[in-house]
Amino acid sequence: MLLRCLIIDDNPHFAQAARSLLEHEGLTVVGTASTGSEAIELVREFQPDVVILDIDLGAESGFDVAEQLRTGDAHTSLASGPEIVLVSAHDEEDFADMISESVAAGFVAKSDLSARAIRKLLAPEASCDQS
């Protein structure tokens, strides 16, 4: 499955490393953003299949940004937009309740980020033969 991704992270070093890794593993990264407003703009422009979204965007909550991406605003709803995969350097258990209540498809630890992990989260039944 061909996936077009947008990476949203306020750490430019992580965003570049994630981009290189995911592209090397066969995903297309259409861009990176470091804020919620940049993310909304790029989602509208590039219409990615999946957004890789850091839970902690400095002054912004990734959970709030996920909600904005999913609900959009009164003029331009993104409700039929991309799947959202939350990422963090913290353990999933630290945010388990918030992740389960969020609009995101799920969570991948930054240390476990890979094209395979994303595909498995989005389509578990099809991940066995994907790399």
Protein backbone atom coordinates (compact mmCIF):
# COMPACT_ATOMS: atom_id res chain seq x y z
CA MET A 1 0.00 0.00 0.00
CA LEU A 2 1.41 3.37 -1.05
CA LEU A 3 1.20 5.86 1.82
CA ARG A 4 1.74 9.61 1.60
CA CYS A 5 2.78 11.01 4.99
CA LEU A 6 3.09 14.36 6.70
CA ILE A 7 5.34 14.57 9.77
CA ILE A 8 4.43 17.06 12.50
CA ASP A 9 7.13 17.51 15.13
CA ASP A 10 8.72 20.57 16.71
CA ASN A 11 12.13 18.88 16.78
CA PRO A 12 13.67 19.45 13.33
CA HIS A 13 16.31 16.76 13.88
CA PHE A 14 13.70 14.11 14.63
CA ALA A 15 11.51 15.26 11.73
CA GLN A 16 14.42 14.93 9.29
CA ALA A 17 15.50 11.55 10.69
CA ALA A 18 11.91 10.26 10.51
CA ARG A 19 11.57 11.55 6.96
CA SER A 20 14.78 9.81 5.85
CA LEU A 21 13.79 6.55 7.55
CA LEU A 22 10.24 6.45 6.20
CA GLU A 23 11.29 7.40 2.67
CA HIS A 24 14.03 4.75 2.75
CA GLU A 25 11.34 2.23 3.76
CA GLY A 26 9.09 3.15 0.84
CA LEU A 27 6.70 5.79 2.17
CA THR A 28 6.32 9.17 0.50
CA VAL A 29 6.79 12.06 2.90
CA VAL A 30 5.02 15.08 1.42
CA GLY A 31 6.32 17.50 4.04
CA THR A 32 7.02 18.38 7.63
CA ALA A 33 5.45 20.89 9.98
CA SER A 34 6.35 22.06 13.46
CA THR A 35 3.07 23.69 14.54
CA GLY A 36 -0.63 22.94 14.36
CA SER A 37 -1.33 25.82 11.99
CA GLU A 38 1.44 24.67 9.61
CA ALA A 39 0.07 21.14 9.80
CA ILE A 40 -3.47 22.20 8.88
CA GLU A 41 -2.14 24.21 5.96
CA LEU A 42 -0.02 21.31 4.66
CA VAL A 43 -2.81 18.76 5.12
CA ARG A 44 -5.08 20.94 3.00
CA GLU A 45 -2.37 21.42 0.39
CA PHE A 46 -0.99 17.89 0.10
CA GLN A 47 -3.87 15.72 1.36
CA PRO A 48 -1.64 13.01 2.85
CA ASP A 49 -2.96 9.56 3.73
CA VAL A 50 -1.41 9.65 7.19
CA VAL A 51 -0.11 12.27 9.60
CA ILE A 52 2.69 11.34 12.00
CA LEU A 53 2.00 13.69 14.93
CA ASP A 54 4.14 14.29 18.01
CA ILE A 55 2.06 14.36 21.18
CA ASP A 56 4.19 17.19 22.61
CA LEU A 57 4.62 20.12 20.22
CA GLY A 58 6.14 22.46 22.77
CA ALA A 59 3.45 25.05 23.44
CA GLU A 60 0.81 22.95 21.66
CA SER A 61 -0.76 19.62 22.50
CA GLY A 62 -0.60 17.03 19.75
CA PHE A 63 -3.99 15.80 20.96
CA ASP A 64 -5.47 19.25 20.27
CA VAL A 65 -3.83 19.38 16.86
CA ALA A 66 -5.20 15.91 16.06
CA GLU A 67 -8.69 17.10 16.95
CA GLN A 68 -8.26 20.19 14.75
CA LEU A 69 -7.07 18.04 11.85
CA ARG A 70 -10.03 15.69 12.22
CA THR A 71 -12.79 18.26 12.78
CA GLY A 72 -11.41 21.16 10.76
CA ASP A 73 -13.30 24.42 11.12
CA ALA A 74 -16.66 25.73 9.92
CA HIS A 75 -15.28 26.63 6.51
CA THR A 76 -12.99 23.76 5.63
CA SER A 77 -13.62 20.49 7.38
CA LEU A 78 -10.87 17.90 7.23
CA ALA A 79 -13.14 15.25 8.73
CA SER A 80 -12.52 12.90 5.83
CA GLY A 81 -8.82 13.66 6.04
CA PRO A 82 -5.78 11.58 6.86
CA GLU A 83 -5.35 8.91 9.46
CA ILE A 84 -3.43 10.25 12.45
CA VAL A 85 -0.64 8.32 14.16
CA LEU A 86 0.56 9.82 17.42
CA VAL A 87 4.24 9.53 18.33
CA SER A 88 6.25 10.40 21.42
CA ALA A 89 9.58 9.78 23.07
CA HIS A 90 7.56 8.93 26.19
CA ASP A 91 6.02 5.53 26.87
CA GLU A 92 2.54 4.84 25.54
CA GLU A 93 1.40 4.08 29.10
CA ASP A 94 2.07 7.73 30.03
CA PHE A 95 -0.73 8.79 27.67
CA ALA A 96 -2.81 5.60 27.33
CA ASP A 97 -6.17 7.11 28.32
CA MET A 98 -5.66 10.21 26.18
CA ILE A 99 -4.56 8.12 23.19
CA SER A 100 -7.60 5.84 23.44
CA GLU A 101 -9.93 8.85 23.69
CA SER A 102 -8.27 10.71 20.83
CA VAL A 103 -9.25 10.76 17.16
CA ALA A 104 -5.94 9.12 16.26
CA ALA A 105 -5.69 5.65 14.75
CA GLY A 106 -3.11 4.84 17.40
CA PHE A 107 0.36 5.39 18.80
CA VAL A 108 3.92 4.45 17.85
CA ALA A 109 6.88 5.22 20.10
CA LYS A 110 9.46 7.37 18.33
CA SER A 111 12.05 4.66 18.95
CA ASP A 112 9.80 2.15 17.13
CA LEU A 113 8.81 4.37 14.22
CA SER A 114 8.99 2.57 10.89
CA ALA A 115 6.94 2.14 7.75
CA ARG A 116 6.04 -1.35 8.97
CA ALA A 117 4.76 -0.03 12.32
CA ILE A 118 2.62 2.56 10.55
CA ARG A 119 1.21 0.05 8.08
CA LYS A 120 0.50 -2.42 10.88
CA LEU A 121 -1.36 0.21 12.86
CA LEU A 122 -3.44 1.32 9.88
CA ALA A 123 -4.13 -2.10 8.36
CA PRO A 124 -3.12 -4.88 10.78
CA GLU A 125 -4.38 -7.68 8.57
CA ALA A 126 -2.23 -6.52 5.61
CA SER A 127 1.01 -5.84 7.51
CA CYS A 128 2.39 -9.36 7.55
CA ASP A 129 3.68 -9.21 3.99
CA GLN A 130 4.75 -5.53 4.08
CA SER A 131 8.13 -4.26 5.19
